[in-house]
Amino acid sequence: MYLDKILGLGVAVAEQAAATGDAATQEVNPVVSILFTFAPMVLIFVVFWFLMIRPQRKKDKQVKEMLNNLKAGDRICTIGGIYGTITGIQDDTVRLSVGRDNTQMVVARWAIRSVEEVQIENDAQELN
């Protein structure tokens, strides 16, 4: 629909130039020519922006927010698939308690994939 309007504009300009019969008006306006040359590239960039770049920026923002909101006691999963409970946080590292023996492990903050939503029904229940 929009493409027909754009192409219709070009056809209308060409028909008007042909109808007047002047040699000077039969030449295509350079601005219109440049517009039709770069319009497909601009359209491709706009589609690329909305389908690829914008969603990725949104996802990156959510991950950054999740990493900044980590606190001791959160149950997390690392990018390596290790589940643990955060026992301490420093600048770029996180100390985890892993397994039944509560083995201590240190991982990089960026290596945390997600914070798990765990509901503890009673105090005797263990997370590990």
N, C-alpha and C. Protein backbone atom coordinates (compact mmCIF):
# COMPACT_ATOMS: atom_id res chain seq x y z
N MET A 1 0.83 -1.18 0.00
CA MET A 1 0.00 0.00 0.00
C MET A 1 0.88 1.25 0.00
N TYR A 2 1.83 1.32 0.94
CA TYR A 2 2.70 2.49 0.99
C TYR A 2 3.67 2.50 -0.18
N LEU A 3 4.09 1.30 -0.58
CA LEU A 3 5.01 1.21 -1.72
C LEU A 3 4.31 1.71 -2.98
N ASP A 4 3.03 1.41 -3.14
CA ASP A 4 2.28 1.90 -4.29
C ASP A 4 2.20 3.42 -4.28
N LYS A 5 2.03 4.00 -3.08
CA LYS A 5 1.97 5.46 -2.99
C LYS A 5 3.32 6.08 -3.37
N ILE A 6 4.41 5.47 -2.90
CA ILE A 6 5.74 6.00 -3.21
C ILE A 6 6.02 5.87 -4.69
N LEU A 7 5.74 4.68 -5.24
CA LEU A 7 5.97 4.47 -6.67
C LEU A 7 5.00 5.32 -7.49
N GLY A 8 3.80 5.49 -6.98
CA GLY A 8 2.83 6.34 -7.68
C GLY A 8 3.30 7.78 -7.76
N LEU A 9 4.02 8.23 -6.74
CA LEU A 9 4.58 9.57 -6.74
C LEU A 9 5.61 9.70 -7.86
N GLY A 10 6.45 8.71 -8.00
CA GLY A 10 7.46 8.72 -9.06
C GLY A 10 6.83 8.68 -10.43
N VAL A 11 5.78 7.87 -10.58
CA VAL A 11 5.08 7.77 -11.87
C VAL A 11 4.40 9.10 -12.18
N ALA A 12 3.79 9.71 -11.16
CA ALA A 12 3.11 10.99 -11.36
C ALA A 12 4.09 12.07 -11.81
N VAL A 13 5.27 12.09 -11.23
CA VAL A 13 6.29 13.08 -11.62
C VAL A 13 6.71 12.83 -13.06
N ALA A 14 6.89 11.57 -13.43
CA ALA A 14 7.30 11.25 -14.80
C ALA A 14 6.19 11.59 -15.79
N GLU A 15 4.93 11.31 -15.44
CA GLU A 15 3.82 11.63 -16.34
C GLU A 15 3.67 13.13 -16.51
N GLN A 16 3.86 13.88 -15.44
CA GLN A 16 3.75 15.33 -15.52
C GLN A 16 4.85 15.89 -16.43
N ALA A 17 6.03 15.33 -16.30
CA ALA A 17 7.13 15.80 -17.14
C ALA A 17 6.87 15.46 -18.60
N ALA A 18 6.30 14.29 -18.87
CA ALA A 18 6.00 13.88 -20.25
C ALA A 18 4.85 14.71 -20.82
N ALA A 19 3.88 15.08 -20.00
CA ALA A 19 2.72 15.83 -20.46
C ALA A 19 3.10 17.25 -20.86
N THR A 20 4.06 17.84 -20.18
CA THR A 20 4.43 19.22 -20.50
C THR A 20 5.23 19.28 -21.79
N GLY A 21 5.96 18.19 -22.09
CA GLY A 21 6.69 18.13 -23.35
C GLY A 21 7.99 18.89 -23.37
N ASP A 22 8.33 19.59 -22.32
CA ASP A 22 9.58 20.33 -22.28
C ASP A 22 10.72 19.37 -22.04
N ALA A 23 11.82 19.59 -22.70
CA ALA A 23 13.00 18.74 -22.52
C ALA A 23 13.58 18.92 -21.12
N ALA A 24 13.49 20.11 -20.57
CA ALA A 24 14.06 20.37 -19.25
C ALA A 24 13.24 19.70 -18.16
N THR A 25 11.92 19.63 -18.35
CA THR A 25 11.08 19.03 -17.32
C THR A 25 11.03 17.52 -17.44
N GLN A 26 11.45 16.95 -18.56
CA GLN A 26 11.45 15.49 -18.73
C GLN A 26 12.56 14.84 -17.93
N GLU A 27 13.56 15.60 -17.56
CA GLU A 27 14.62 15.05 -16.72
C GLU A 27 14.09 14.83 -15.32
N VAL A 28 14.54 13.75 -14.70
CA VAL A 28 14.09 13.44 -13.35
C VAL A 28 14.83 14.33 -12.37
N ASN A 29 14.11 14.86 -11.42
CA ASN A 29 14.69 15.71 -10.40
C ASN A 29 15.75 14.91 -9.63
N PRO A 30 16.96 15.44 -9.43
CA PRO A 30 18.01 14.69 -8.74
C PRO A 30 17.65 14.33 -7.30
N VAL A 31 16.87 15.18 -6.65
CA VAL A 31 16.47 14.89 -5.27
C VAL A 31 15.58 13.66 -5.23
N VAL A 32 14.63 13.58 -6.16
CA VAL A 32 13.74 12.42 -6.23
C VAL A 32 14.54 11.16 -6.57
N SER A 33 15.50 11.31 -7.45
CA SER A 33 16.34 10.17 -7.83
C SER A 33 17.13 9.64 -6.65
N ILE A 34 17.71 10.53 -5.87
CA ILE A 34 18.47 10.12 -4.68
C ILE A 34 17.54 9.51 -3.65
N LEU A 35 16.34 10.08 -3.50
CA LEU A 35 15.37 9.54 -2.56
C LEU A 35 15.02 8.09 -2.90
N PHE A 36 14.74 7.83 -4.17
CA PHE A 36 14.40 6.47 -4.57
C PHE A 36 15.59 5.52 -4.51
N THR A 37 16.80 6.04 -4.58
CA THR A 37 17.99 5.20 -4.47
C THR A 37 18.23 4.76 -3.03
N PHE A 38 18.06 5.69 -2.09
CA PHE A 38 18.37 5.37 -0.69
C PHE A 38 17.18 4.88 0.12
N ALA A 39 15.98 5.00 -0.39
CA ALA A 39 14.79 4.57 0.35
C ALA A 39 14.85 3.08 0.74
N PRO A 40 15.23 2.17 -0.14
CA PRO A 40 15.29 0.76 0.28
C PRO A 40 16.31 0.51 1.39
N MET A 41 17.45 1.19 1.34
CA MET A 41 18.45 1.00 2.40
C MET A 41 17.95 1.52 3.73
N VAL A 42 17.28 2.66 3.71
CA VAL A 42 16.72 3.22 4.95
C VAL A 42 15.64 2.29 5.49
N LEU A 43 14.80 1.77 4.62
CA LEU A 43 13.74 0.85 5.03
C LEU A 43 14.34 -0.43 5.64
N ILE A 44 15.38 -0.95 5.05
CA ILE A 44 16.05 -2.14 5.60
C ILE A 44 16.63 -1.84 6.97
N PHE A 45 17.25 -0.69 7.14
CA PHE A 45 17.82 -0.32 8.44
C PHE A 45 16.73 -0.19 9.50
N VAL A 46 15.60 0.41 9.15
CA VAL A 46 14.49 0.58 10.11
C VAL A 46 13.95 -0.78 10.53
N VAL A 47 13.76 -1.68 9.59
CA VAL A 47 13.28 -3.03 9.92
C VAL A 47 14.31 -3.76 10.78
N PHE A 48 15.58 -3.64 10.42
CA PHE A 48 16.65 -4.27 11.19
C PHE A 48 16.65 -3.75 12.62
N TRP A 49 16.45 -2.44 12.78
CA TRP A 49 16.44 -1.82 14.12
C TRP A 49 15.32 -2.40 14.98
N PHE A 50 14.12 -2.47 14.44
CA PHE A 50 12.98 -2.93 15.23
C PHE A 50 12.97 -4.43 15.46
N LEU A 51 13.58 -5.20 14.57
CA LEU A 51 13.56 -6.65 14.74
C LEU A 51 14.79 -7.21 15.46
N MET A 52 15.90 -6.50 15.45
CA MET A 52 17.13 -7.05 16.02
C MET A 52 17.73 -6.18 17.13
N ILE A 53 18.00 -4.94 16.85
CA ILE A 53 18.76 -4.10 17.78
C ILE A 53 17.92 -3.72 18.99
N ARG A 54 16.71 -3.25 18.79
CA ARG A 54 15.87 -2.80 19.90
C ARG A 54 15.56 -3.92 20.90
N PRO A 55 15.14 -5.11 20.45
CA PRO A 55 14.89 -6.19 21.44
C PRO A 55 16.15 -6.60 22.20
N GLN A 56 17.30 -6.60 21.53
CA GLN A 56 18.54 -6.98 22.21
C GLN A 56 18.91 -5.97 23.27
N ARG A 57 18.74 -4.69 23.00
CA ARG A 57 19.02 -3.66 24.01
C ARG A 57 18.09 -3.80 25.21
N LYS A 58 16.84 -4.13 24.95
CA LYS A 58 15.86 -4.32 26.02
C LYS A 58 16.26 -5.51 26.89
N LYS A 59 16.70 -6.59 26.26
CA LYS A 59 17.13 -7.78 27.00
C LYS A 59 18.39 -7.48 27.81
N ASP A 60 19.34 -6.78 27.22
CA ASP A 60 20.57 -6.41 27.93
C ASP A 60 20.27 -5.55 29.16
N LYS A 61 19.30 -4.66 29.03
CA LYS A 61 18.91 -3.80 30.15
C LYS A 61 18.31 -4.63 31.29
N GLN A 62 17.49 -5.62 30.95
CA GLN A 62 16.89 -6.49 31.97
C GLN A 62 17.96 -7.32 32.69
N VAL A 63 18.93 -7.84 31.94
CA VAL A 63 20.01 -8.63 32.55
C VAL A 63 20.85 -7.77 33.47
N LYS A 64 21.17 -6.55 33.04
CA LYS A 64 21.96 -5.65 33.87
C LYS A 64 21.22 -5.32 35.16
N GLU A 65 19.92 -5.09 35.05
CA GLU A 65 19.11 -4.79 36.23
C GLU A 65 19.07 -5.99 37.18
N MET A 66 18.95 -7.20 36.62
CA MET A 66 18.92 -8.41 37.45
C MET A 66 20.25 -8.58 38.19
N LEU A 67 21.37 -8.35 37.51
CA LEU A 67 22.68 -8.49 38.15
C LEU A 67 22.90 -7.43 39.22
N ASN A 68 22.38 -6.25 39.03
CA ASN A 68 22.53 -5.19 40.03
C ASN A 68 21.66 -5.41 41.26
N ASN A 69 20.59 -6.19 41.12
CA ASN A 69 19.67 -6.42 42.23
C ASN A 69 19.95 -7.71 42.99
N LEU A 70 21.08 -8.36 42.73
CA LEU A 70 21.41 -9.59 43.46
C LEU A 70 21.65 -9.28 44.93
N LYS A 71 21.24 -10.22 45.79
CA LYS A 71 21.48 -10.05 47.22
C LYS A 71 21.72 -11.42 47.84
N ALA A 72 22.30 -11.42 49.03
CA ALA A 72 22.56 -12.67 49.73
C ALA A 72 21.23 -13.37 50.00
N GLY A 73 21.24 -14.69 49.80
CA GLY A 73 20.05 -15.49 50.01
C GLY A 73 19.30 -15.81 48.73
N ASP A 74 19.64 -15.13 47.62
CA ASP A 74 18.99 -15.43 46.35
C ASP A 74 19.45 -16.78 45.81
N ARG A 75 18.54 -17.53 45.28
CA ARG A 75 18.84 -18.82 44.63
C ARG A 75 19.07 -18.50 43.16
N ILE A 76 20.23 -18.86 42.62
CA ILE A 76 20.59 -18.49 41.25
C ILE A 76 21.00 -19.71 40.43
N CYS A 77 21.06 -19.50 39.12
CA CYS A 77 21.58 -20.50 38.20
C CYS A 77 22.67 -19.81 37.38
N THR A 78 23.83 -20.44 37.25
CA THR A 78 24.93 -19.85 36.48
C THR A 78 24.79 -20.26 35.01
N ILE A 79 25.60 -19.63 34.16
CA ILE A 79 25.55 -19.97 32.74
C ILE A 79 26.09 -21.38 32.49
N GLY A 80 26.78 -21.94 33.47
CA GLY A 80 27.26 -23.31 33.37
C GLY A 80 26.27 -24.33 33.89
N GLY A 81 25.12 -23.86 34.40
CA GLY A 81 24.08 -24.76 34.88
C GLY A 81 24.21 -25.15 36.34
N ILE A 82 25.02 -24.43 37.10
CA ILE A 82 25.19 -24.72 38.52
C ILE A 82 24.17 -23.90 39.30
N TYR A 83 23.39 -24.59 40.15
CA TYR A 83 22.42 -23.92 41.01
C TYR A 83 23.04 -23.73 42.38
N GLY A 84 22.84 -22.59 42.96
CA GLY A 84 23.38 -22.32 44.28
C GLY A 84 22.66 -21.16 44.94
N THR A 85 23.02 -20.93 46.19
CA THR A 85 22.46 -19.83 46.96
C THR A 85 23.57 -18.83 47.24
N ILE A 86 23.30 -17.56 47.00
CA ILE A 86 24.31 -16.52 47.21
C ILE A 86 24.53 -16.34 48.71
N THR A 87 25.82 -16.43 49.12
CA THR A 87 26.16 -16.19 50.52
C THR A 87 26.91 -14.87 50.70
N GLY A 88 27.48 -14.35 49.63
CA GLY A 88 28.19 -13.09 49.72
C GLY A 88 28.43 -12.50 48.35
N ILE A 89 28.48 -11.16 48.29
CA ILE A 89 28.70 -10.47 47.02
C ILE A 89 29.80 -9.45 47.21
N GLN A 90 30.76 -9.48 46.29
CA GLN A 90 31.77 -8.43 46.22
C GLN A 90 31.57 -7.69 44.91
N ASP A 91 32.52 -6.88 44.49
CA ASP A 91 32.35 -6.07 43.30
C ASP A 91 31.95 -6.89 42.07
N ASP A 92 32.85 -7.73 41.61
CA ASP A 92 32.60 -8.50 40.40
C ASP A 92 32.48 -10.00 40.65
N THR A 93 32.49 -10.42 41.89
CA THR A 93 32.39 -11.84 42.21
C THR A 93 31.24 -12.09 43.17
N VAL A 94 30.76 -13.33 43.11
CA VAL A 94 29.65 -13.75 43.96
C VAL A 94 30.06 -15.07 44.60
N ARG A 95 29.86 -15.18 45.91
CA ARG A 95 30.16 -16.42 46.63
C ARG A 95 28.87 -17.21 46.74
N LEU A 96 28.93 -18.50 46.33
CA LEU A 96 27.75 -19.36 46.33
C LEU A 96 27.92 -20.51 47.30
N SER A 97 26.81 -20.98 47.81
CA SER A 97 26.75 -22.20 48.58
C SER A 97 26.08 -23.23 47.67
N VAL A 98 26.80 -24.33 47.38
CA VAL A 98 26.34 -25.29 46.38
C VAL A 98 26.29 -26.69 46.97
N GLY A 99 25.27 -27.45 46.64
CA GLY A 99 25.18 -28.85 47.01
C GLY A 99 24.71 -29.08 48.43
N ARG A 100 24.60 -30.37 48.79
CA ARG A 100 24.11 -30.75 50.13
C ARG A 100 25.11 -30.39 51.23
N ASP A 101 26.39 -30.38 50.90
CA ASP A 101 27.42 -30.07 51.89
C ASP A 101 27.69 -28.57 52.00
N ASN A 102 26.91 -27.77 51.28
CA ASN A 102 27.09 -26.31 51.26
C ASN A 102 28.52 -25.92 50.89
N THR A 103 29.02 -26.53 49.84
CA THR A 103 30.35 -26.22 49.33
C THR A 103 30.38 -24.77 48.84
N GLN A 104 31.40 -24.04 49.25
CA GLN A 104 31.54 -22.65 48.86
C GLN A 104 32.20 -22.57 47.49
N MET A 105 31.70 -21.68 46.67
CA MET A 105 32.20 -21.52 45.30
C MET A 105 32.15 -20.04 44.96
N VAL A 106 33.14 -19.57 44.22
CA VAL A 106 33.18 -18.17 43.81
C VAL A 106 33.05 -18.12 42.29
N VAL A 107 32.09 -17.32 41.82
CA VAL A 107 31.88 -17.16 40.38
C VAL A 107 31.84 -15.67 40.05
N ALA A 108 32.07 -15.38 38.79
CA ALA A 108 31.97 -13.99 38.32
C ALA A 108 30.51 -13.57 38.29
N ARG A 109 30.26 -12.32 38.57
CA ARG A 109 28.88 -11.81 38.58
C ARG A 109 28.23 -11.96 37.21
N TRP A 110 28.97 -11.72 36.12
CA TRP A 110 28.41 -11.80 34.79
C TRP A 110 28.03 -13.24 34.41
N ALA A 111 28.52 -14.23 35.17
CA ALA A 111 28.25 -15.63 34.85
C ALA A 111 26.92 -16.12 35.41
N ILE A 112 26.14 -15.24 36.02
CA ILE A 112 24.85 -15.63 36.56
C ILE A 112 23.80 -15.45 35.47
N ARG A 113 23.10 -16.54 35.17
CA ARG A 113 22.08 -16.51 34.13
C ARG A 113 20.75 -15.99 34.65
N SER A 114 20.31 -16.51 35.80
CA SER A 114 18.99 -16.11 36.28
C SER A 114 18.88 -16.28 37.78
N VAL A 115 17.92 -15.57 38.35
CA VAL A 115 17.57 -15.73 39.75
C VAL A 115 16.33 -16.60 39.78
N GLU A 116 16.40 -17.70 40.51
CA GLU A 116 15.29 -18.65 40.57
C GLU A 116 14.29 -18.23 41.64
N GLU A 117 13.03 -18.41 41.33
CA GLU A 117 11.96 -18.12 42.29
C GLU A 117 11.70 -19.40 43.08
N VAL A 118 12.16 -19.46 44.33
CA VAL A 118 12.02 -20.64 45.17
C VAL A 118 11.16 -20.27 46.37
N GLN A 119 10.17 -21.09 46.63
CA GLN A 119 9.32 -20.88 47.79
C GLN A 119 9.69 -21.90 48.86
N ILE A 120 10.05 -21.43 50.06
CA ILE A 120 10.36 -22.32 51.18
C ILE A 120 9.11 -22.42 52.04
N GLU A 121 8.63 -23.65 52.21
CA GLU A 121 7.39 -23.82 52.96
C GLU A 121 7.62 -23.86 54.46
N ASN A 122 8.75 -24.39 54.88
CA ASN A 122 9.06 -24.38 56.31
C ASN A 122 10.56 -24.17 56.50
N ASP A 123 10.97 -23.81 57.68
CA ASP A 123 12.38 -23.50 57.94
C ASP A 123 13.26 -24.72 57.88
N ALA A 124 12.71 -25.91 58.04
CA ALA A 124 13.52 -27.13 58.02
C ALA A 124 13.90 -27.55 56.60
N GLN A 125 13.19 -27.03 55.60
CA GLN A 125 13.45 -27.40 54.22
C GLN A 125 14.76 -26.75 53.75
N GLU A 126 15.60 -27.54 53.07
CA GLU A 126 16.86 -27.03 52.56
C GLU A 126 16.72 -26.70 51.10
N LEU A 127 17.45 -25.72 50.64
CA LEU A 127 17.44 -25.34 49.22
C LEU A 127 18.36 -26.20 48.40
N ASN A 128 19.44 -26.72 49.00
CA ASN A 128 20.44 -27.45 48.22
C ASN A 128 20.15 -28.87 48.11
